[in-house]
Amino acid sequence: MNQPHTPPTIDDIAVILPGLVRALGLIIEQMEPLLDLSCHATNLPEETADRMADIGQTLTEHAHTLMREAARRRQAGPGRLALAPGPAEPPAV
């Protein structure tokens, strides 16, 4: 009998991002020889250049979002709470 799968958590999904970014970096590295060759072609792909610029802009915006969130969490996240003597409070649900 098939049991329903537990839906993934936010952390389960977020763990994918670092690997995806590493993969994008490898793809970009592998594109360099192709780009060099394309620059010598008679039919330079201007539309491709425009799309690459759009992708770069989107990735930059995503990077800034992650940096802002990381800074916010460093300043106000759970790790910044003072430890109080006495019994620990029950975790919030």
PDB file of N, CA and C in Angstrom:
ATOM      1  N   MET A   1       0.835  -1.178   0.000  1.00  0.00           N
ATOM      2  CA  MET A   1       0.000   0.000   0.000  1.00  0.00           C
ATOM      3  C   MET A   1       0.883   1.246   0.000  1.00  0.00           C
ATOM      4  N   ASN A   2       0.603   2.174  -0.852  1.00  0.00           N
ATOM      5  CA  ASN A   2       1.406   3.384  -0.940  1.00  0.00           C
ATOM      6  C   ASN A   2       0.998   4.365   0.141  1.00  0.00           C
ATOM      7  N   GLN A   3       1.999   4.793   0.897  1.00  0.00           N
ATOM      8  CA  GLN A   3       1.755   5.812   1.901  1.00  0.00           C
ATOM      9  C   GLN A   3       2.025   7.168   1.266  1.00  0.00           C
ATOM     10  N   PRO A   4       1.272   8.166   1.670  1.00  0.00           N
ATOM     11  CA  PRO A   4       1.519   9.495   1.106  1.00  0.00           C
ATOM     12  C   PRO A   4       2.906   9.997   1.524  1.00  0.00           C
ATOM     13  N   HIS A   5       3.573  10.630   0.565  1.00  0.00           N
ATOM     14  CA  HIS A   5       4.890  11.191   0.860  1.00  0.00           C
ATOM     15  C   HIS A   5       4.740  12.464   1.667  1.00  0.00           C
ATOM     16  N   THR A   6       5.649  12.635   2.611  1.00  0.00           N
ATOM     17  CA  THR A   6       5.677  13.866   3.378  1.00  0.00           C
ATOM     18  C   THR A   6       6.147  14.983   2.457  1.00  0.00           C
ATOM     19  N   PRO A   7       5.443  16.099   2.422  1.00  0.00           N
ATOM     20  CA  PRO A   7       5.900  17.187   1.556  1.00  0.00           C
ATOM     21  C   PRO A   7       7.270  17.691   2.030  1.00  0.00           C
ATOM     22  N   PRO A   8       8.102  18.120   1.097  1.00  0.00           N
ATOM     23  CA  PRO A   8       9.427  18.616   1.492  1.00  0.00           C
ATOM     24  C   PRO A   8       9.301  19.895   2.309  1.00  0.00           C
ATOM     25  N   THR A   9      10.288  20.118   3.148  1.00  0.00           N
ATOM     26  CA  THR A   9      10.322  21.344   3.946  1.00  0.00           C
ATOM     27  C   THR A   9      11.061  22.427   3.160  1.00  0.00           C
ATOM     28  N   ILE A  10      10.999  23.639   3.650  1.00  0.00           N
ATOM     29  CA  ILE A  10      11.740  24.743   3.039  1.00  0.00           C
ATOM     30  C   ILE A  10      13.226  24.415   3.027  1.00  0.00           C
ATOM     31  N   ASP A  11      13.741  23.866   4.133  1.00  0.00           N
ATOM     32  CA  ASP A  11      15.165  23.520   4.208  1.00  0.00           C
ATOM     33  C   ASP A  11      15.527  22.424   3.209  1.00  0.00           C
ATOM     34  N   ASP A  12      14.616  21.471   2.996  1.00  0.00           N
ATOM     35  CA  ASP A  12      14.869  20.415   2.008  1.00  0.00           C
ATOM     36  C   ASP A  12      15.044  21.009   0.614  1.00  0.00           C
ATOM     37  N   ILE A  13      14.243  21.991   0.298  1.00  0.00           N
ATOM     38  CA  ILE A  13      14.319  22.624  -1.018  1.00  0.00           C
ATOM     39  C   ILE A  13      15.534  23.546  -1.105  1.00  0.00           C
ATOM     40  N   ALA A  14      15.803  24.302  -0.057  1.00  0.00           N
ATOM     41  CA  ALA A  14      16.899  25.275  -0.072  1.00  0.00           C
ATOM     42  C   ALA A  14      18.259  24.603  -0.227  1.00  0.00           C
ATOM     43  N   VAL A  15      18.384  23.354   0.192  1.00  0.00           N
ATOM     44  CA  VAL A  15      19.663  22.653   0.099  1.00  0.00           C
ATOM     45  C   VAL A  15      20.063  22.421  -1.363  1.00  0.00           C
ATOM     46  N   ILE A  16      19.125  22.533  -2.281  1.00  0.00           N
ATOM     47  CA  ILE A  16      19.401  22.356  -3.707  1.00  0.00           C
ATOM     48  C   ILE A  16      20.190  23.535  -4.276  1.00  0.00           C
ATOM     49  N   LEU A  17      19.993  24.719  -3.732  1.00  0.00           N
ATOM     50  CA  LEU A  17      20.551  25.935  -4.310  1.00  0.00           C
ATOM     51  C   LEU A  17      22.076  25.924  -4.441  1.00  0.00           C
ATOM     52  N   PRO A  18      22.848  25.570  -3.416  1.00  0.00           N
ATOM     53  CA  PRO A  18      24.310  25.593  -3.590  1.00  0.00           C
ATOM     54  C   PRO A  18      24.802  24.688  -4.724  1.00  0.00           C
ATOM     55  N   GLY A  19      24.246  23.507  -4.854  1.00  0.00           N
ATOM     56  CA  GLY A  19      24.642  22.611  -5.940  1.00  0.00           C
ATOM     57  C   GLY A  19      24.272  23.174  -7.299  1.00  0.00           C
ATOM     58  N   LEU A  20      23.113  23.796  -7.373  1.00  0.00           N
ATOM     59  CA  LEU A  20      22.670  24.402  -8.620  1.00  0.00           C
ATOM     60  C   LEU A  20      23.601  25.544  -9.025  1.00  0.00           C
ATOM     61  N   VAL A  21      24.016  26.345  -8.057  1.00  0.00           N
ATOM     62  CA  VAL A  21      24.931  27.454  -8.344  1.00  0.00           C
ATOM     63  C   VAL A  21      26.289  26.921  -8.802  1.00  0.00           C
ATOM     64  N   ARG A  22      26.780  25.861  -8.151  1.00  0.00           N
ATOM     65  CA  ARG A  22      28.048  25.250  -8.597  1.00  0.00           C
ATOM     66  C   ARG A  22      27.924  24.738 -10.024  1.00  0.00           C
ATOM     67  N   ALA A  23      26.789  24.114 -10.342  1.00  0.00           N
ATOM     68  CA  ALA A  23      26.570  23.598 -11.695  1.00  0.00           C
ATOM     69  C   ALA A  23      26.543  24.739 -12.713  1.00  0.00           C
ATOM     70  N   LEU A  24      25.892  25.840 -12.375  1.00  0.00           N
ATOM     71  CA  LEU A  24      25.876  26.989 -13.279  1.00  0.00           C
ATOM     72  C   LEU A  24      27.287  27.523 -13.508  1.00  0.00           C
ATOM     73  N   GLY A  25      28.092  27.540 -12.461  1.00  0.00           N
ATOM     74  CA  GLY A  25      29.480  27.978 -12.593  1.00  0.00           C
ATOM     75  C   GLY A  25      30.256  27.093 -13.550  1.00  0.00           C
ATOM     76  N   LEU A  26      30.047  25.774 -13.450  1.00  0.00           N
ATOM     77  CA  LEU A  26      30.725  24.840 -14.356  1.00  0.00           C
ATOM     78  C   LEU A  26      30.258  25.034 -15.795  1.00  0.00           C
ATOM     79  N   ILE A  27      28.977  25.257 -15.976  1.00  0.00           N
ATOM     80  CA  ILE A  27      28.442  25.488 -17.320  1.00  0.00           C
ATOM     81  C   ILE A  27      29.070  26.744 -17.918  1.00  0.00           C
ATOM     82  N   ILE A  28      29.153  27.791 -17.127  1.00  0.00           N
ATOM     83  CA  ILE A  28      29.739  29.039 -17.622  1.00  0.00           C
ATOM     84  C   ILE A  28      31.200  28.842 -17.998  1.00  0.00           C
ATOM     85  N   GLU A  29      31.937  28.095 -17.183  1.00  0.00           N
ATOM     86  CA  GLU A  29      33.336  27.810 -17.512  1.00  0.00           C
ATOM     87  C   GLU A  29      33.434  27.062 -18.837  1.00  0.00           C
ATOM     88  N   GLN A  30      32.543  26.109 -19.060  1.00  0.00           N
ATOM     89  CA  GLN A  30      32.560  25.317 -20.286  1.00  0.00           C
ATOM     90  C   GLN A  30      32.116  26.126 -21.503  1.00  0.00           C
ATOM     91  N   MET A  31      31.418  27.224 -21.274  1.00  0.00           N
ATOM     92  CA  MET A  31      30.944  28.059 -22.372  1.00  0.00           C
ATOM     93  C   MET A  31      32.037  28.943 -22.953  1.00  0.00           C
ATOM     94  N   GLU A  32      33.104  29.185 -22.205  1.00  0.00           N
ATOM     95  CA  GLU A  32      34.127  30.127 -22.649  1.00  0.00           C
ATOM     96  C   GLU A  32      34.718  29.774 -24.019  1.00  0.00           C
ATOM     97  N   PRO A  33      35.133  28.512 -24.267  1.00  0.00           N
ATOM     98  CA  PRO A  33      35.652  28.212 -25.615  1.00  0.00           C
ATOM     99  C   PRO A  33      34.588  28.408 -26.703  1.00  0.00           C
ATOM    100  N   LEU A  34      33.346  28.053 -26.401  1.00  0.00           N
ATOM    101  CA  LEU A  34      32.263  28.234 -27.366  1.00  0.00           C
ATOM    102  C   LEU A  34      32.047  29.714 -27.654  1.00  0.00           C
ATOM    103  N   LEU A  35      32.132  30.527 -26.624  1.00  0.00           N
ATOM    104  CA  LEU A  35      31.978  31.964 -26.794  1.00  0.00           C
ATOM    105  C   LEU A  35      33.105  32.521 -27.655  1.00  0.00           C
ATOM    106  N   ASP A  36      34.338  32.084 -27.405  1.00  0.00           N
ATOM    107  CA  ASP A  36      35.465  32.533 -28.217  1.00  0.00           C
ATOM    108  C   ASP A  36      35.254  32.199 -29.687  1.00  0.00           C
ATOM    109  N   LEU A  37      34.794  30.987 -29.963  1.00  0.00           N
ATOM    110  CA  LEU A  37      34.528  30.595 -31.345  1.00  0.00           C
ATOM    111  C   LEU A  37      33.392  31.408 -31.942  1.00  0.00           C
ATOM    112  N   SER A  38      32.348  31.633 -31.172  1.00  0.00           N
ATOM    113  CA  SER A  38      31.193  32.388 -31.664  1.00  0.00           C
ATOM    114  C   SER A  38      31.567  33.816 -32.039  1.00  0.00           C
ATOM    115  N   CYS A  39      32.533  34.380 -31.349  1.00  0.00           N
ATOM    116  CA  CYS A  39      32.954  35.748 -31.649  1.00  0.00           C
ATOM    117  C   CYS A  39      33.605  35.850 -33.029  1.00  0.00           C
ATOM    118  N   HIS A  40      34.072  34.735 -33.570  1.00  0.00           N
ATOM    119  CA  HIS A  40      34.692  34.721 -34.895  1.00  0.00           C
ATOM    120  C   HIS A  40      33.707  34.294 -35.983  1.00  0.00           C
ATOM    121  N   ALA A  41      32.499  33.980 -35.613  1.00  0.00           N
ATOM    122  CA  ALA A  41      31.490  33.540 -36.593  1.00  0.00           C
ATOM    123  C   ALA A  41      30.938  34.732 -37.357  1.00  0.00           C
ATOM    124  N   THR A  42      30.447  34.453 -38.545  1.00  0.00           N
ATOM    125  CA  THR A  42      29.855  35.533 -39.338  1.00  0.00           C
ATOM    126  C   THR A  42      28.465  35.912 -38.840  1.00  0.00           C
ATOM    127  N   ASN A  43      27.803  35.003 -38.180  1.00  0.00           N
ATOM    128  CA  ASN A  43      26.455  35.283 -37.661  1.00  0.00           C
ATOM    129  C   ASN A  43      26.490  35.336 -36.141  1.00  0.00           C
ATOM    130  N   LEU A  44      26.957  36.463 -35.630  1.00  0.00           N
ATOM    131  CA  LEU A  44      27.014  36.624 -34.175  1.00  0.00           C
ATOM    132  C   LEU A  44      25.603  36.600 -33.600  1.00  0.00           C
ATOM    133  N   PRO A  45      25.368  35.803 -32.569  1.00  0.00           N
ATOM    134  CA  PRO A  45      24.013  35.661 -32.008  1.00  0.00           C
ATOM    135  C   PRO A  45      23.656  36.797 -31.047  1.00  0.00           C
ATOM    136  N   GLU A  46      23.172  37.903 -31.602  1.00  0.00           N
ATOM    137  CA  GLU A  46      22.836  39.055 -30.761  1.00  0.00           C
ATOM    138  C   GLU A  46      21.704  38.736 -29.786  1.00  0.00           C
ATOM    139  N   GLU A  47      20.736  37.953 -30.236  1.00  0.00           N
ATOM    140  CA  GLU A  47      19.629  37.592 -29.342  1.00  0.00           C
ATOM    141  C   GLU A  47      20.146  36.781 -28.158  1.00  0.00           C
ATOM    142  N   THR A  48      21.132  35.929 -28.438  1.00  0.00           N
ATOM    143  CA  THR A  48      21.719  35.136 -27.360  1.00  0.00           C
ATOM    144  C   THR A  48      22.433  36.041 -26.372  1.00  0.00           C
ATOM    145  N   ALA A  49      23.121  37.036 -26.886  1.00  0.00           N
ATOM    146  CA  ALA A  49      23.811  37.985 -25.999  1.00  0.00           C
ATOM    147  C   ALA A  49      22.804  38.722 -25.121  1.00  0.00           C
ATOM    148  N   ASP A  50      21.676  39.127 -25.715  1.00  0.00           N
ATOM    149  CA  ASP A  50      20.635  39.806 -24.930  1.00  0.00           C
ATOM    150  C   ASP A  50      20.092  38.894 -23.834  1.00  0.00           C
ATOM    151  N   ARG A  51      19.845  37.636 -24.179  1.00  0.00           N
ATOM    152  CA  ARG A  51      19.305  36.686 -23.204  1.00  0.00           C
ATOM    153  C   ARG A  51      20.313  36.422 -22.084  1.00  0.00           C
ATOM    154  N   MET A  52      21.600  36.323 -22.453  1.00  0.00           N
ATOM    155  CA  MET A  52      22.645  36.126 -21.439  1.00  0.00           C
ATOM    156  C   MET A  52      22.674  37.310 -20.469  1.00  0.00           C
ATOM    157  N   ALA A  53      22.512  38.513 -21.006  1.00  0.00           N
ATOM    158  CA  ALA A  53      22.485  39.704 -20.150  1.00  0.00           C
ATOM    159  C   ALA A  53      21.289  39.662 -19.204  1.00  0.00           C
ATOM    160  N   ASP A  54      20.131  39.239 -19.723  1.00  0.00           N
ATOM    161  CA  ASP A  54      18.936  39.121 -18.880  1.00  0.00           C
ATOM    162  C   ASP A  54      19.146  38.105 -17.762  1.00  0.00           C
ATOM    163  N   ILE A  55      19.729  36.976 -18.114  1.00  0.00           N
ATOM    164  CA  ILE A  55      19.994  35.935 -17.109  1.00  0.00           C
ATOM    165  C   ILE A  55      20.964  36.457 -16.061  1.00  0.00           C
ATOM    166  N   GLY A  56      22.002  37.150 -16.507  1.00  0.00           N
ATOM    167  CA  GLY A  56      22.971  37.713 -15.568  1.00  0.00           C
ATOM    168  C   GLY A  56      22.335  38.703 -14.612  1.00  0.00           C
ATOM    169  N   GLN A  57      21.453  39.550 -15.140  1.00  0.00           N
ATOM    170  CA  GLN A  57      20.761  40.522 -14.297  1.00  0.00           C
ATOM    171  C   GLN A  57      19.883  39.818 -13.267  1.00  0.00           C
ATOM    172  N   THR A  58      19.170  38.798 -13.694  1.00  0.00           N
ATOM    173  CA  THR A  58      18.309  38.051 -12.775  1.00  0.00           C
ATOM    174  C   THR A  58      19.135  37.367 -11.695  1.00  0.00           C
ATOM    175  N   LEU A  59      20.246  36.745 -12.079  1.00  0.00           N
ATOM    176  CA  LEU A  59      21.112  36.097 -11.084  1.00  0.00           C
ATOM    177  C   LEU A  59      21.678  37.105 -10.096  1.00  0.00           C
ATOM    178  N   THR A  60      22.023  38.294 -10.575  1.00  0.00           N
ATOM    179  CA  THR A  60      22.527  39.350  -9.684  1.00  0.00           C
ATOM    180  C   THR A  60      21.457  39.760  -8.691  1.00  0.00           C
ATOM    181  N   GLU A  61      20.215  39.919  -9.158  1.00  0.00           N
ATOM    182  CA  GLU A  61      19.119  40.271  -8.255  1.00  0.00           C
ATOM    183  C   GLU A  61      18.904  39.179  -7.211  1.00  0.00           C
ATOM    184  N   HIS A  62      18.952  37.917  -7.620  1.00  0.00           N
ATOM    185  CA  HIS A  62      18.796  36.810  -6.672  1.00  0.00           C
ATOM    186  C   HIS A  62      19.931  36.807  -5.649  1.00  0.00           C
ATOM    187  N   ALA A  63      21.140  37.067  -6.107  1.00  0.00           N
ATOM    188  CA  ALA A  63      22.286  37.106  -5.197  1.00  0.00           C
ATOM    189  C   ALA A  63      22.114  38.212  -4.160  1.00  0.00           C
ATOM    190  N   HIS A  64      21.656  39.370  -4.582  1.00  0.00           N
ATOM    191  CA  HIS A  64      21.436  40.470  -3.639  1.00  0.00           C
ATOM    192  C   HIS A  64      20.351  40.118  -2.624  1.00  0.00           C
ATOM    193  N   THR A  65      19.309  39.435  -3.065  1.00  0.00           N
ATOM    194  CA  THR A  65      18.252  39.002  -2.150  1.00  0.00           C
ATOM    195  C   THR A  65      18.826  38.065  -1.084  1.00  0.00           C
ATOM    196  N   LEU A  66      19.636  37.088  -1.514  1.00  0.00           N
ATOM    197  CA  LEU A  66      20.241  36.157  -0.554  1.00  0.00           C
ATOM    198  C   LEU A  66      21.177  36.878   0.407  1.00  0.00           C
ATOM    199  N   MET A  67      21.953  37.826  -0.099  1.00  0.00           N
ATOM    200  CA  MET A  67      22.882  38.566   0.774  1.00  0.00           C
ATOM    201  C   MET A  67      22.123  39.390   1.811  1.00  0.00           C
ATOM    202  N   ARG A  68      21.037  40.053   1.372  1.00  0.00           N
ATOM    203  CA  ARG A  68      20.243  40.843   2.326  1.00  0.00           C
ATOM    204  C   ARG A  68      19.648  39.955   3.415  1.00  0.00           C
ATOM    205  N   GLU A  69      19.114  38.801   3.014  1.00  0.00           N
ATOM    206  CA  GLU A  69      18.505  37.892   3.986  1.00  0.00           C
ATOM    207  C   GLU A  69      19.553  37.332   4.942  1.00  0.00           C
ATOM    208  N   ALA A  70      20.718  36.989   4.425  1.00  0.00           N
ATOM    209  CA  ALA A  70      21.788  36.479   5.291  1.00  0.00           C
ATOM    210  C   ALA A  70      22.216  37.543   6.301  1.00  0.00           C
ATOM    211  N   ALA A  71      22.335  38.787   5.854  1.00  0.00           N
ATOM    212  CA  ALA A  71      22.704  39.873   6.774  1.00  0.00           C
ATOM    213  C   ALA A  71      21.628  40.083   7.821  1.00  0.00           C
ATOM    214  N   ARG A  72      20.361  40.031   7.392  1.00  0.00           N
ATOM    215  CA  ARG A  72      19.255  40.208   8.349  1.00  0.00           C
ATOM    216  C   ARG A  72      19.272  39.116   9.410  1.00  0.00           C
ATOM    217  N   ARG A  73      19.505  37.896   8.979  1.00  0.00           N
ATOM    218  CA  ARG A  73      19.522  36.786   9.940  1.00  0.00           C
ATOM    219  C   ARG A  73      20.709  36.863  10.877  1.00  0.00           C
ATOM    220  N   ARG A  74      21.841  37.342  10.383  1.00  0.00           N
ATOM    221  CA  ARG A  74      23.007  37.502  11.271  1.00  0.00           C
ATOM    222  C   ARG A  74      22.723  38.548  12.335  1.00  0.00           C
ATOM    223  N   GLN A  75      21.982  39.587  11.969  1.00  0.00           N
ATOM    224  CA  GLN A  75      21.703  40.670  12.906  1.00  0.00           C
ATOM    225  C   GLN A  75      20.568  40.355  13.870  1.00  0.00           C
ATOM    226  N   ALA A  76      19.569  39.616  13.428  1.00  0.00           N
ATOM    227  CA  ALA A  76      18.377  39.438  14.252  1.00  0.00           C
ATOM    228  C   ALA A  76      17.911  37.993  14.351  1.00  0.00           C
ATOM    229  N   GLY A  77      18.643  37.068  13.785  1.00  0.00           N
ATOM    230  CA  GLY A  77      18.212  35.680  13.767  1.00  0.00           C
ATOM    231  C   GLY A  77      18.322  34.998  15.110  1.00  0.00           C
ATOM    232  N   PRO A  78      17.903  33.736  15.183  1.00  0.00           N
ATOM    233  CA  PRO A  78      17.906  32.987  16.437  1.00  0.00           C
ATOM    234  C   PRO A  78      19.280  32.924  17.094  1.00  0.00           C
ATOM    235  N   GLY A  79      20.333  32.932  16.318  1.00  0.00           N
ATOM    236  CA  GLY A  79      21.679  32.877  16.896  1.00  0.00           C
ATOM    237  C   GLY A  79      22.076  34.145  17.619  1.00  0.00           C
ATOM    238  N   ARG A  80      21.318  35.218  17.452  1.00  0.00           N
ATOM    239  CA  ARG A  80      21.630  36.490  18.098  1.00  0.00           C
ATOM    240  C   ARG A  80      20.874  36.686  19.406  1.00  0.00           C
ATOM    241  N   LEU A  81      20.028  35.722  19.784  1.00  0.00           N
ATOM    242  CA  LEU A  81      19.284  35.848  21.032  1.00  0.00           C
ATOM    243  C   LEU A  81      20.194  35.576  22.209  1.00  0.00           C
ATOM    244  N   ALA A  82      20.043  36.387  23.256  1.00  0.00           N
ATOM    245  CA  ALA A  82      20.858  36.208  24.464  1.00  0.00           C
ATOM    246  C   ALA A  82      20.402  34.960  25.202  1.00  0.00           C
ATOM    247  N   LEU A  83      21.369  34.235  25.736  1.00  0.00           N
ATOM    248  CA  LEU A  83      21.046  33.057  26.535  1.00  0.00           C
ATOM    249  C   LEU A  83      20.704  33.517  27.948  1.00  0.00           C
ATOM    250  N   ALA A  84      19.543  33.141  28.421  1.00  0.00           N
ATOM    251  CA  ALA A  84      19.107  33.526  29.761  1.00  0.00           C
ATOM    252  C   ALA A  84      19.303  32.345  30.703  1.00  0.00           C
ATOM    253  N   PRO A  85      19.732  32.611  31.945  1.00  0.00           N
ATOM    254  CA  PRO A  85      19.840  31.513  32.900  1.00  0.00           C
ATOM    255  C   PRO A  85      18.451  30.997  33.265  1.00  0.00           C
ATOM    256  N   GLY A  86      18.382  29.747  33.658  1.00  0.00           N
ATOM    257  CA  GLY A  86      17.108  29.165  34.058  1.00  0.00           C
ATOM    258  C   GLY A  86      16.620  28.164  33.023  1.00  0.00           C
ATOM    259  N   PRO A  87      15.408  27.651  33.211  1.00  0.00           N
ATOM    260  CA  PRO A  87      14.894  26.633  32.295  1.00  0.00           C
ATOM    261  C   PRO A  87      14.659  27.220  30.898  1.00  0.00           C
ATOM    262  N   ALA A  88      14.892  26.386  29.936  1.00  0.00           N
ATOM    263  CA  ALA A  88      14.689  26.808  28.541  1.00  0.00           C
ATOM    264  C   ALA A  88      13.209  26.884  28.237  1.00  0.00           C
ATOM    265  N   GLU A  89      12.851  27.817  27.396  1.00  0.00           N
ATOM    266  CA  GLU A  89      11.460  27.923  26.972  1.00  0.00           C
ATOM    267  C   GLU A  89      11.179  26.825  25.961  1.00  0.00           C
ATOM    268  N   PRO A  90       9.943  26.338  25.948  1.00  0.00           N
ATOM    269  CA  PRO A  90       9.605  25.315  24.949  1.00  0.00           C
ATOM    270  C   PRO A  90       9.710  25.909  23.552  1.00  0.00           C
ATOM    271  N   PRO A  91      10.126  25.084  22.593  1.00  0.00           N
ATOM    272  CA  PRO A  91      10.245  25.609  21.224  1.00  0.00           C
ATOM    273  C   PRO A  91       8.899  26.028  20.668  1.00  0.00           C
ATOM    274  N   ALA A  92       8.922  27.084  19.866  1.00  0.00           N
ATOM    275  CA  ALA A  92       7.692  27.573  19.241  1.00  0.00           C
ATOM    276  C   ALA A  92       7.271  26.595  18.146  1.00  0.00           C
ATOM    277  N   VAL A  93       6.006  26.408  18.014  1.00  0.00           N
ATOM    278  CA  VAL A  93       5.489  25.475  17.004  1.00  0.00           C
ATOM    279  C   VAL A  93       4.986  26.222  15.814  1.00  0.00           C
TER     280      VAL A  93
END
